[in-house]
Amino acid sequence: MTAARTQPSRYPLEGRRVLVTGASSGIGEAAARAISAAGADVAILARRRDRLDGLAREIQAVAVPADLRDEQAASNAVEEAVHQLGGLDGVVNNAGLMRTAPIGDADVEDWRAMFDLNVIALLVVSQAALPHLRAAGRGDIVNISSLSGRRVPSAAASVYAASKFAVHAVSEGLRREALADGVRVTVLAPGFVRTDLFEGMHGEAADRLRERAEAVGLSPEEVAQEVVHAMGLPPHVHLREVALSGLGQET
C-alpha cells in the first residue's frame, strides 16, 4: 500500500503574528497581503496613515502608523503591534529608501536618510521585536535587502549599495545572536522590482532605473511569495539568504 502524501497546508502561517514595515506600498503591501492570506494575523507599519488604514480594513490587519526614522516612535510602534496582536512570531523589515548620485555630487542628507531608514530603523525594529520573538520560542525576521547588497551596481548607487551591504552584515549578526532561541533570520535580495522605490528621484540615472525595472523587474507579489515561503518552512529549516531577479536581469 502506498502511503498517502501529505498535502501542503493552504494556510502555512496559520496562528502566526507578523509585523510588516514599509507596508503602505510595493513589496511591503504585497507581503502583508500574502502573509494574511497564508493565515497569519498581521500588523502593518508605515508613515502614510491613509494607505495603512485602507489596507488594514481590506485584509483585517492592525495599522500602526509611525515614521521609522524616529527611533522612539519605531520602538513604540513595535510594542503597539505586539499589544494589538497579543504577541509576535515574525517581522518583515521592508521599509527602505533609495537615492542615487555619484559621491562627488551627492547630498549628505540623502546618505543620512538612506542609512537611517535602511539600516538604523531595521536595527531598532529588530531590537524591539527580539524579546517577543524569543518569548514565543520560535520566530522569523525577514530582512528585505537587494542585489545591490551583494555587488555595487553603479557609481551613482554606491551609497545605497553600502546601506544594503550593511543589511546583510546585520542580518548575519542577528542570525548568530538569535539562533539558540529558535529565531530564524532570512535575507531576501531581489533585483529590480516594479515598485515606487524610485519615487522622488530625478535625472537620467533615475529614468534608466525605472525603465529597467519595468522591462525586467519582478512584481512585488513574486517577492512576497518568497517571504511566505521562508516563514512557512519547518522550524528546523533555516533559509539564510535568497537572491532573486527577473530572468532578463543579467547582473
Foldseek 3Di string as FASTA:
>chain_A
DDDDDDDDDQQLQAPAEEEFEPCLWFLNVLLQQVNLSSHYAYEYEEADVVSQVVSCVVSVHHYQYDDLLPLVSLLVSLVVSCVVRVFHAEYELEDAAFAWDAPVPDDVVRLVVGLSRLPVSLVSNCVSRLVRNLVVLAHEYEYEAAVLLVDPPDNRRVSNSVSRVNVLVVQVVVQVVCVVSLYAYAYEHEYQEQICNLPPYDDDVSVVSNVVSVVFFHYSNVSSVVVCVQGSDPSVDHHHYHYYTGPPDDD
